[in-house]
Amino acid sequence: MRPTLMQAPFQHAIDNATQQGMQTTLKKLSDLESEIPLIKSSMGNFLSKVVIFELLALSDLGEMLVGGYHFCLFLLTLQQRSRVKIGSLVRLKKVRST
């Protein structure tokens, strides 16, 4: 069984400093909402790319957001992940058809 985020450092390409930075940003997300429009959407987009490029497992991201903390951010991440993957498939199909 693979160790969880809380048991071991990321098993992927994200180092400890990046992990701490992400957690700090997540903690300050509510405060940043008043200063930066659509910060949760931007963060969801960023996190979706981190997951797509396999720098962070989706389950590890879920652990960072455990207990419903920033639950909408997790949903935004899933939504953005789907959009990026679908967009990639459409582009690949167009390339293959030409």
PDB file of N, CA and C in Angstrom:
ATOM      1  N   MET A   1       0.840  -1.175   0.000  1.00  0.00           N
ATOM      2  CA  MET A   1       0.000   0.000   0.000  1.00  0.00           C
ATOM      3  C   MET A   1       0.889   1.243   0.000  1.00  0.00           C
ATOM      4  N   ARG A   2       0.518   2.234  -0.825  1.00  0.00           N
ATOM      5  CA  ARG A   2       1.285   3.465  -0.940  1.00  0.00           C
ATOM      6  C   ARG A   2       1.079   4.342   0.297  1.00  0.00           C
ATOM      7  N   PRO A   3       2.151   4.926   0.853  1.00  0.00           N
ATOM      8  CA  PRO A   3       1.983   5.786   2.023  1.00  0.00           C
ATOM      9  C   PRO A   3       1.181   7.032   1.655  1.00  0.00           C
ATOM     10  N   THR A   4       0.431   7.559   2.601  1.00  0.00           N
ATOM     11  CA  THR A   4      -0.349   8.768   2.365  1.00  0.00           C
ATOM     12  C   THR A   4       0.542   9.980   2.554  1.00  0.00           C
ATOM     13  N   LEU A   5      -0.003  11.134   2.174  1.00  0.00           N
ATOM     14  CA  LEU A   5       0.728  12.389   2.275  1.00  0.00           C
ATOM     15  C   LEU A   5       1.186  12.649   3.706  1.00  0.00           C
ATOM     16  N   MET A   6       0.343  12.328   4.664  1.00  0.00           N
ATOM     17  CA  MET A   6       0.676  12.611   6.053  1.00  0.00           C
ATOM     18  C   MET A   6       1.732  11.636   6.599  1.00  0.00           C
ATOM     19  N   GLN A   7       1.892  10.478   5.959  1.00  0.00           N
ATOM     20  CA  GLN A   7       2.846   9.493   6.431  1.00  0.00           C
ATOM     21  C   GLN A   7       4.239   9.687   5.843  1.00  0.00           C
ATOM     22  N   ALA A   8       4.303  10.236   4.652  1.00  0.00           N
ATOM     23  CA  ALA A   8       5.589  10.354   3.965  1.00  0.00           C
ATOM     24  C   ALA A   8       5.570  11.573   3.062  1.00  0.00           C
ATOM     25  N   PRO A   9       6.742  12.056   2.660  1.00  0.00           N
ATOM     26  CA  PRO A   9       6.788  13.157   1.703  1.00  0.00           C
ATOM     27  C   PRO A   9       6.137  12.730   0.392  1.00  0.00           C
ATOM     28  N   PHE A  10       5.820  13.708  -0.459  1.00  0.00           N
ATOM     29  CA  PHE A  10       5.225  13.390  -1.748  1.00  0.00           C
ATOM     30  C   PHE A  10       6.043  12.318  -2.454  1.00  0.00           C
ATOM     31  N   GLN A  11       5.357  11.389  -3.053  1.00  0.00           N
ATOM     32  CA  GLN A  11       6.009  10.336  -3.815  1.00  0.00           C
ATOM     33  C   GLN A  11       6.249  10.793  -5.253  1.00  0.00           C
ATOM     34  N   HIS A  12       5.837  11.991  -5.563  1.00  0.00           N
ATOM     35  CA  HIS A  12       5.947  12.520  -6.907  1.00  0.00           C
ATOM     36  C   HIS A  12       7.041  13.581  -6.947  1.00  0.00           C
ATOM     37  N   ALA A  13       6.984  14.476  -7.904  1.00  0.00           N
ATOM     38  CA  ALA A  13       8.065  15.419  -8.147  1.00  0.00           C
ATOM     39  C   ALA A  13       8.017  16.691  -7.306  1.00  0.00           C
ATOM     40  N   ILE A  14       7.033  16.855  -6.454  1.00  0.00           N
ATOM     41  CA  ILE A  14       6.947  18.075  -5.655  1.00  0.00           C
ATOM     42  C   ILE A  14       7.771  17.907  -4.389  1.00  0.00           C
ATOM     43  N   ASP A  15       8.658  18.874  -4.167  1.00  0.00           N
ATOM     44  CA  ASP A  15       9.508  18.791  -2.982  1.00  0.00           C
ATOM     45  C   ASP A  15       8.803  19.391  -1.763  1.00  0.00           C
ATOM     46  N   ASN A  16       9.439  19.298  -0.625  1.00  0.00           N
ATOM     47  CA  ASN A  16       8.841  19.735   0.636  1.00  0.00           C
ATOM     48  C   ASN A  16       8.554  21.234   0.649  1.00  0.00           C
ATOM     49  N   ALA A  17       9.456  22.031   0.087  1.00  0.00           N
ATOM     50  CA  ALA A  17       9.250  23.483   0.073  1.00  0.00           C
ATOM     51  C   ALA A  17       8.018  23.843  -0.754  1.00  0.00           C
ATOM     52  N   THR A  18       7.830  23.175  -1.885  1.00  0.00           N
ATOM     53  CA  THR A  18       6.665  23.427  -2.724  1.00  0.00           C
ATOM     54  C   THR A  18       5.395  22.989  -2.010  1.00  0.00           C
ATOM     55  N   GLN A  19       5.454  21.869  -1.342  1.00  0.00           N
ATOM     56  CA  GLN A  19       4.311  21.372  -0.572  1.00  0.00           C
ATOM     57  C   GLN A  19       3.926  22.390   0.499  1.00  0.00           C
ATOM     58  N   GLN A  20       4.910  22.899   1.221  1.00  0.00           N
ATOM     59  CA  GLN A  20       4.637  23.889   2.266  1.00  0.00           C
ATOM     60  C   GLN A  20       4.062  25.168   1.670  1.00  0.00           C
ATOM     61  N   GLY A  21       4.576  25.571   0.521  1.00  0.00           N
ATOM     62  CA  GLY A  21       4.061  26.765  -0.152  1.00  0.00           C
ATOM     63  C   GLY A  21       2.607  26.605  -0.555  1.00  0.00           C
ATOM     64  N   MET A  22       2.279  25.428  -1.075  1.00  0.00           N
ATOM     65  CA  MET A  22       0.895  25.157  -1.465  1.00  0.00           C
ATOM     66  C   MET A  22      -0.024  25.182  -0.250  1.00  0.00           C
ATOM     67  N   GLN A  23       0.419  24.573   0.841  1.00  0.00           N
ATOM     68  CA  GLN A  23      -0.408  24.543   2.048  1.00  0.00           C
ATOM     69  C   GLN A  23      -0.587  25.942   2.634  1.00  0.00           C
ATOM     70  N   THR A  24       0.463  26.756   2.591  1.00  0.00           N
ATOM     71  CA  THR A  24       0.363  28.136   3.074  1.00  0.00           C
ATOM     72  C   THR A  24      -0.602  28.938   2.221  1.00  0.00           C
ATOM     73  N   THR A  25      -0.511  28.757   0.898  1.00  0.00           N
ATOM     74  CA  THR A  25      -1.424  29.455  -0.012  1.00  0.00           C
ATOM     75  C   THR A  25      -2.863  29.033   0.238  1.00  0.00           C
ATOM     76  N   LEU A  26      -3.074  27.740   0.451  1.00  0.00           N
ATOM     77  CA  LEU A  26      -4.427  27.251   0.724  1.00  0.00           C
ATOM     78  C   LEU A  26      -4.983  27.854   2.005  1.00  0.00           C
ATOM     79  N   LYS A  27      -4.139  28.005   3.020  1.00  0.00           N
ATOM     80  CA  LYS A  27      -4.587  28.589   4.283  1.00  0.00           C
ATOM     81  C   LYS A  27      -4.978  30.055   4.119  1.00  0.00           C
ATOM     82  N   LYS A  28      -4.287  30.771   3.218  1.00  0.00           N
ATOM     83  CA  LYS A  28      -4.538  32.196   3.020  1.00  0.00           C
ATOM     84  C   LYS A  28      -5.533  32.475   1.901  1.00  0.00           C
ATOM     85  N   LEU A  29      -6.067  31.426   1.306  1.00  0.00           N
ATOM     86  CA  LEU A  29      -6.942  31.574   0.143  1.00  0.00           C
ATOM     87  C   LEU A  29      -8.151  32.461   0.420  1.00  0.00           C
ATOM     88  N   SER A  30      -8.761  32.310   1.563  1.00  0.00           N
ATOM     89  CA  SER A  30      -9.938  33.128   1.901  1.00  0.00           C
ATOM     90  C   SER A  30      -9.584  34.607   1.971  1.00  0.00           C
ATOM     91  N   ASP A  31      -8.421  34.921   2.542  1.00  0.00           N
ATOM     92  CA  ASP A  31      -7.974  36.310   2.622  1.00  0.00           C
ATOM     93  C   ASP A  31      -7.638  36.869   1.242  1.00  0.00           C
ATOM     94  N   LEU A  32      -7.078  36.031   0.390  1.00  0.00           N
ATOM     95  CA  LEU A  32      -6.680  36.466  -0.951  1.00  0.00           C
ATOM     96  C   LEU A  32      -7.875  36.701  -1.867  1.00  0.00           C
ATOM     97  N   GLU A  33      -9.011  36.085  -1.548  1.00  0.00           N
ATOM     98  CA  GLU A  33     -10.208  36.235  -2.392  1.00  0.00           C
ATOM     99  C   GLU A  33     -10.631  37.695  -2.553  1.00  0.00           C
ATOM    100  N   SER A  34     -10.469  38.500  -1.513  1.00  0.00           N
ATOM    101  CA  SER A  34     -10.867  39.901  -1.596  1.00  0.00           C
ATOM    102  C   SER A  34      -9.891  40.722  -2.443  1.00  0.00           C
ATOM    103  N   GLU A  35      -8.645  40.278  -2.546  1.00  0.00           N
ATOM    104  CA  GLU A  35      -7.625  41.015  -3.288  1.00  0.00           C
ATOM    105  C   GLU A  35      -7.460  40.531  -4.732  1.00  0.00           C
ATOM    106  N   ILE A  36      -7.660  39.241  -4.956  1.00  0.00           N
ATOM    107  CA  ILE A  36      -7.418  38.649  -6.275  1.00  0.00           C
ATOM    108  C   ILE A  36      -8.711  38.019  -6.786  1.00  0.00           C
ATOM    109  N   PRO A  37      -9.293  38.619  -7.828  1.00  0.00           N
ATOM    110  CA  PRO A  37     -10.533  38.041  -8.358  1.00  0.00           C
ATOM    111  C   PRO A  37     -10.302  36.630  -8.908  1.00  0.00           C
ATOM    112  N   LEU A  38     -11.263  35.761  -8.685  1.00  0.00           N
ATOM    113  CA  LEU A  38     -11.239  34.384  -9.199  1.00  0.00           C
ATOM    114  C   LEU A  38     -10.006  33.586  -8.759  1.00  0.00           C
ATOM    115  N   ILE A  39      -9.524  33.856  -7.564  1.00  0.00           N
ATOM    116  CA  ILE A  39      -8.332  33.146  -7.068  1.00  0.00           C
ATOM    117  C   ILE A  39      -8.581  31.641  -6.968  1.00  0.00           C
ATOM    118  N   LYS A  40      -9.789  31.245  -6.577  1.00  0.00           N
ATOM    119  CA  LYS A  40     -10.061  29.807  -6.462  1.00  0.00           C
ATOM    120  C   LYS A  40     -10.074  29.141  -7.831  1.00  0.00           C
ATOM    121  N   SER A  41     -10.588  29.818  -8.833  1.00  0.00           N
ATOM    122  CA  SER A  41     -10.569  29.271 -10.191  1.00  0.00           C
ATOM    123  C   SER A  41      -9.140  29.136 -10.699  1.00  0.00           C
ATOM    124  N   SER A  42      -8.330  30.166 -10.438  1.00  0.00           N
ATOM    125  CA  SER A  42      -6.929  30.121 -10.858  1.00  0.00           C
ATOM    126  C   SER A  42      -6.171  29.011 -10.138  1.00  0.00           C
ATOM    127  N   MET A  43      -6.433  28.880  -8.847  1.00  0.00           N
ATOM    128  CA  MET A  43      -5.781  27.830  -8.064  1.00  0.00           C
ATOM    129  C   MET A  43      -6.251  26.455  -8.523  1.00  0.00           C
ATOM    130  N   GLY A  44      -7.538  26.316  -8.832  1.00  0.00           N
ATOM    131  CA  GLY A  44      -8.065  25.055  -9.351  1.00  0.00           C
ATOM    132  C   GLY A  44      -7.410  24.690 -10.670  1.00  0.00           C
ATOM    133  N   ASN A  45      -7.208  25.682 -11.541  1.00  0.00           N
ATOM    134  CA  ASN A  45      -6.537  25.461 -12.818  1.00  0.00           C
ATOM    135  C   ASN A  45      -5.093  25.008 -12.592  1.00  0.00           C
ATOM    136  N   PHE A  46      -4.396  25.699 -11.705  1.00  0.00           N
ATOM    137  CA  PHE A  46      -3.014  25.337 -11.388  1.00  0.00           C
ATOM    138  C   PHE A  46      -2.930  23.919 -10.818  1.00  0.00           C
ATOM    139  N   LEU A  47      -3.786  23.620  -9.854  1.00  0.00           N
ATOM    140  CA  LEU A  47      -3.756  22.299  -9.225  1.00  0.00           C
ATOM    141  C   LEU A  47      -4.127  21.190 -10.206  1.00  0.00           C
ATOM    142  N   SER A  48      -5.037  21.490 -11.128  1.00  0.00           N
ATOM    143  CA  SER A  48      -5.404  20.471 -12.130  1.00  0.00           C
ATOM    144  C   SER A  48      -4.198  20.122 -13.001  1.00  0.00           C
ATOM    145  N   LYS A  49      -3.402  21.122 -13.345  1.00  0.00           N
ATOM    146  CA  LYS A  49      -2.213  20.865 -14.167  1.00  0.00           C
ATOM    147  C   LYS A  49      -1.156  20.108 -13.373  1.00  0.00           C
ATOM    148  N   VAL A  50      -1.057  20.418 -12.093  1.00  0.00           N
ATOM    149  CA  VAL A  50      -0.120  19.694 -11.232  1.00  0.00           C
ATOM    150  C   VAL A  50      -0.504  18.210 -11.180  1.00  0.00           C
ATOM    151  N   VAL A  51      -1.801  17.936 -11.098  1.00  0.00           N
ATOM    152  CA  VAL A  51      -2.283  16.553 -11.061  1.00  0.00           C
ATOM    153  C   VAL A  51      -2.110  15.888 -12.424  1.00  0.00           C
ATOM    154  N   ILE A  52      -2.460  16.593 -13.503  1.00  0.00           N
ATOM    155  CA  ILE A  52      -2.346  16.029 -14.853  1.00  0.00           C
ATOM    156  C   ILE A  52      -0.904  15.655 -15.171  1.00  0.00           C
ATOM    157  N   PHE A  53       0.038  16.507 -14.786  1.00  0.00           N
ATOM    158  CA  PHE A  53       1.448  16.227 -15.052  1.00  0.00           C
ATOM    159  C   PHE A  53       2.060  15.276 -14.029  1.00  0.00           C
ATOM    160  N   GLU A  54       1.197  14.731 -13.177  1.00  0.00           N
ATOM    161  CA  GLU A  54       1.573  13.728 -12.182  1.00  0.00           C
ATOM    162  C   GLU A  54       2.663  14.201 -11.227  1.00  0.00           C
ATOM    163  N   LEU A  55       2.604  15.498 -10.897  1.00  0.00           N
ATOM    164  CA  LEU A  55       3.499  16.028  -9.880  1.00  0.00           C
ATOM    165  C   LEU A  55       2.904  15.828  -8.496  1.00  0.00           C
ATOM    166  N   LEU A  56       1.594  15.607  -8.477  1.00  0.00           N
ATOM    167  CA  LEU A  56       0.866  15.387  -7.239  1.00  0.00           C
ATOM    168  C   LEU A  56      -0.304  14.465  -7.551  1.00  0.00           C
ATOM    169  N   ALA A  57      -0.475  13.457  -6.737  1.00  0.00           N
ATOM    170  CA  ALA A  57      -1.606  12.534  -6.933  1.00  0.00           C
ATOM    171  C   ALA A  57      -2.886  13.214  -6.484  1.00  0.00           C
ATOM    172  N   LEU A  58      -3.972  12.904  -7.154  1.00  0.00           N
ATOM    173  CA  LEU A  58      -5.265  13.468  -6.808  1.00  0.00           C
ATOM    174  C   LEU A  58      -5.632  13.114  -5.364  1.00  0.00           C
ATOM    175  N   SER A  59      -5.265  11.926  -4.933  1.00  0.00           N
ATOM    176  CA  SER A  59      -5.547  11.514  -3.551  1.00  0.00           C
ATOM    177  C   SER A  59      -4.762  12.370  -2.549  1.00  0.00           C
ATOM    178  N   ASP A  60      -3.531  12.752  -2.906  1.00  0.00           N
ATOM    179  CA  ASP A  60      -2.744  13.623  -2.023  1.00  0.00           C
ATOM    180  C   ASP A  60      -3.357  15.015  -1.933  1.00  0.00           C
ATOM    181  N   LEU A  61      -3.853  15.501  -3.069  1.00  0.00           N
ATOM    182  CA  LEU A  61      -4.533  16.789  -3.053  1.00  0.00           C
ATOM    183  C   LEU A  61      -5.773  16.706  -2.172  1.00  0.00           C
ATOM    184  N   GLY A  62      -6.503  15.613  -2.279  1.00  0.00           N
ATOM    185  CA  GLY A  62      -7.672  15.408  -1.441  1.00  0.00           C
ATOM    186  C   GLY A  62      -7.327  15.435   0.035  1.00  0.00           C
ATOM    187  N   GLU A  63      -6.186  14.879   0.381  1.00  0.00           N
ATOM    188  CA  GLU A  63      -5.743  14.896   1.787  1.00  0.00           C
ATOM    189  C   GLU A  63      -5.440  16.308   2.257  1.00  0.00           C
ATOM    190  N   MET A  64      -4.892  17.129   1.363  1.00  0.00           N
ATOM    191  CA  MET A  64      -4.591  18.518   1.732  1.00  0.00           C
ATOM    192  C   MET A  64      -5.880  19.290   2.002  1.00  0.00           C
ATOM    193  N   LEU A  65      -6.963  18.873   1.375  1.00  0.00           N
ATOM    194  CA  LEU A  65      -8.241  19.563   1.498  1.00  0.00           C
ATOM    195  C   LEU A  65      -9.232  18.769   2.341  1.00  0.00           C
ATOM    196  N   VAL A  66      -8.733  17.881   3.192  1.00  0.00           N
ATOM    197  CA  VAL A  66      -9.569  16.991   3.986  1.00  0.00           C
ATOM    198  C   VAL A  66     -10.501  17.776   4.911  1.00  0.00           C
ATOM    199  N   GLY A  67     -11.621  17.182   5.200  1.00  0.00           N
ATOM    200  CA  GLY A  67     -12.570  17.798   6.120  1.00  0.00           C
ATOM    201  C   GLY A  67     -13.443  18.858   5.469  1.00  0.00           C
ATOM    202  N   GLY A  68     -13.459  18.895   4.129  1.00  0.00           N
ATOM    203  CA  GLY A  68     -14.281  19.873   3.434  1.00  0.00           C
ATOM    204  C   GLY A  68     -13.665  21.251   3.370  1.00  0.00           C
ATOM    205  N   TYR A  69     -12.440  21.383   3.873  1.00  0.00           N
ATOM    206  CA  TYR A  69     -11.762  22.668   3.827  1.00  0.00           C
ATOM    207  C   TYR A  69     -11.485  23.008   2.375  1.00  0.00           C
ATOM    208  N   HIS A  70     -12.007  24.093   1.918  1.00  0.00           N
ATOM    209  CA  HIS A  70     -11.898  24.502   0.510  1.00  0.00           C
ATOM    210  C   HIS A  70     -12.494  23.454  -0.417  1.00  0.00           C
ATOM    211  N   PHE A  71     -13.632  22.879  -0.015  1.00  0.00           N
ATOM    212  CA  PHE A  71     -14.231  21.817  -0.825  1.00  0.00           C
ATOM    213  C   PHE A  71     -14.491  22.275  -2.252  1.00  0.00           C
ATOM    214  N   CYS A  72     -14.883  23.525  -2.450  1.00  0.00           N
ATOM    215  CA  CYS A  72     -15.161  23.970  -3.816  1.00  0.00           C
ATOM    216  C   CYS A  72     -13.875  23.995  -4.648  1.00  0.00           C
ATOM    217  N   LEU A  73     -12.735  24.173  -4.001  1.00  0.00           N
ATOM    218  CA  LEU A  73     -11.464  24.161  -4.724  1.00  0.00           C
ATOM    219  C   LEU A  73     -11.191  22.780  -5.307  1.00  0.00           C
ATOM    220  N   PHE A  74     -11.508  21.745  -4.570  1.00  0.00           N
ATOM    221  CA  PHE A  74     -11.317  20.382  -5.068  1.00  0.00           C
ATOM    222  C   PHE A  74     -12.223  20.135  -6.275  1.00  0.00           C
ATOM    223  N   LEU A  75     -13.462  20.595  -6.187  1.00  0.00           N
ATOM    224  CA  LEU A  75     -14.394  20.444  -7.307  1.00  0.00           C
ATOM    225  C   LEU A  75     -13.928  21.246  -8.523  1.00  0.00           C
ATOM    226  N   LEU A  76     -13.428  22.460  -8.296  1.00  0.00           N
ATOM    227  CA  LEU A  76     -12.891  23.263  -9.394  1.00  0.00           C
ATOM    228  C   LEU A  76     -11.690  22.579 -10.042  1.00  0.00           C
ATOM    229  N   THR A  77     -10.867  21.959  -9.223  1.00  0.00           N
ATOM    230  CA  THR A  77      -9.707  21.231  -9.742  1.00  0.00           C
ATOM    231  C   THR A  77     -10.148  20.078 -10.632  1.00  0.00           C
ATOM    232  N   LEU A  78     -11.138  19.324 -10.185  1.00  0.00           N
ATOM    233  CA  LEU A  78     -11.656  18.215 -10.997  1.00  0.00           C
ATOM    234  C   LEU A  78     -12.259  18.732 -12.302  1.00  0.00           C
ATOM    235  N   GLN A  79     -12.987  19.830 -12.225  1.00  0.00           N
ATOM    236  CA  GLN A  79     -13.605  20.415 -13.415  1.00  0.00           C
ATOM    237  C   GLN A  79     -12.532  20.869 -14.412  1.00  0.00           C
ATOM    238  N   GLN A  80     -11.536  21.577 -13.930  1.00  0.00           N
ATOM    239  CA  GLN A  80     -10.457  22.054 -14.803  1.00  0.00           C
ATOM    240  C   GLN A  80      -9.674  20.880 -15.387  1.00  0.00           C
ATOM    241  N   ARG A  81      -9.473  19.858 -14.586  1.00  0.00           N
ATOM    242  CA  ARG A  81      -8.751  18.662 -15.054  1.00  0.00           C
ATOM    243  C   ARG A  81      -9.495  18.027 -16.213  1.00  0.00           C
ATOM    244  N   SER A  82     -10.809  17.935 -16.097  1.00  0.00           N
ATOM    245  CA  SER A  82     -11.627  17.369 -17.175  1.00  0.00           C
ATOM    246  C   SER A  82     -11.544  18.228 -18.426  1.00  0.00           C
ATOM    247  N   ARG A  83     -11.615  19.534 -18.266  1.00  0.00           N
ATOM    248  CA  ARG A  83     -11.547  20.441 -19.415  1.00  0.00           C
ATOM    249  C   ARG A  83     -10.211  20.331 -20.136  1.00  0.00           C
ATOM    250  N   VAL A  84      -9.146  20.296 -19.376  1.00  0.00           N
ATOM    251  CA  VAL A  84      -7.815  20.212 -19.986  1.00  0.00           C
ATOM    252  C   VAL A  84      -7.658  18.888 -20.717  1.00  0.00           C
ATOM    253  N   LYS A  85      -8.089  17.792 -20.096  1.00  0.00           N
ATOM    254  CA  LYS A  85      -7.971  16.481 -20.738  1.00  0.00           C
ATOM    255  C   LYS A  85      -8.829  16.398 -21.993  1.00  0.00           C
ATOM    256  N   ILE A  86     -10.057  16.916 -21.940  1.00  0.00           N
ATOM    257  CA  ILE A  86     -10.936  16.895 -23.112  1.00  0.00           C
ATOM    258  C   ILE A  86     -10.349  17.764 -24.220  1.00  0.00           C
ATOM    259  N   GLY A  87      -9.847  18.945 -23.854  1.00  0.00           N
ATOM    260  CA  GLY A  87      -9.216  19.826 -24.836  1.00  0.00           C
ATOM    261  C   GLY A  87      -8.024  19.165 -25.493  1.00  0.00           C
ATOM    262  N   SER A  88      -7.241  18.433 -24.731  1.00  0.00           N
ATOM    263  CA  SER A  88      -6.076  17.728 -25.273  1.00  0.00           C
ATOM    264  C   SER A  88      -6.515  16.638 -26.241  1.00  0.00           C
ATOM    265  N   LEU A  89      -7.568  15.927 -25.906  1.00  0.00           N
ATOM    266  CA  LEU A  89      -8.074  14.869 -26.789  1.00  0.00           C
ATOM    267  C   LEU A  89      -8.604  15.446 -28.098  1.00  0.00           C
ATOM    268  N   VAL A  90      -9.302  16.579 -28.022  1.00  0.00           N
ATOM    269  CA  VAL A  90      -9.830  17.218 -29.229  1.00  0.00           C
ATOM    270  C   VAL A  90      -8.687  17.673 -30.124  1.00  0.00           C
ATOM    271  N   ARG A  91      -7.652  18.285 -29.539  1.00  0.00           N
ATOM    272  CA  ARG A  91      -6.496  18.726 -30.328  1.00  0.00           C
ATOM    273  C   ARG A  91      -5.781  17.540 -30.953  1.00  0.00           C
ATOM    274  N   LEU A  92      -5.638  16.454 -30.210  1.00  0.00           N
ATOM    275  CA  LEU A  92      -4.980  15.262 -30.744  1.00  0.00           C
ATOM    276  C   LEU A  92      -5.774  14.671 -31.902  1.00  0.00           C
ATOM    277  N   LYS A  93      -7.085  14.666 -31.772  1.00  0.00           N
ATOM    278  CA  LYS A  93      -7.935  14.143 -32.836  1.00  0.00           C
ATOM    279  C   LYS A  93      -7.806  14.990 -34.103  1.00  0.00           C
ATOM    280  N   LYS A  94      -7.741  16.325 -33.938  1.00  0.00           N
ATOM    281  CA  LYS A  94      -7.576  17.213 -35.082  1.00  0.00           C
ATOM    282  C   LYS A  94      -6.237  16.982 -35.777  1.00  0.00           C
ATOM    283  N   VAL A  95      -5.191  16.791 -34.995  1.00  0.00           N
ATOM    284  CA  VAL A  95      -3.858  16.551 -35.558  1.00  0.00           C
ATOM    285  C   VAL A  95      -3.838  15.245 -36.328  1.00  0.00           C
ATOM    286  N   ARG A  96      -4.454  14.227 -35.786  1.00  0.00           N
ATOM    287  CA  ARG A  96      -4.478  12.924 -36.456  1.00  0.00           C
ATOM    288  C   ARG A  96      -5.305  12.950 -37.722  1.00  0.00           C
ATOM    289  N   SER A  97      -6.340  13.793 -37.768  1.00  0.00           N
ATOM    290  CA  SER A  97      -7.199  13.834 -38.959  1.00  0.00           C
ATOM    291  C   SER A  97      -6.605  14.643 -40.094  1.00  0.00           C
ATOM    292  N   THR A  98      -5.575  15.444 -39.836  1.00  0.00           N
ATOM    293  CA  THR A  98      -4.956  16.237 -40.900  1.00  0.00           C
ATOM    294  C   THR A  98      -3.797  15.535 -41.538  1.00  0.00           C
TER     295      THR A  98
END
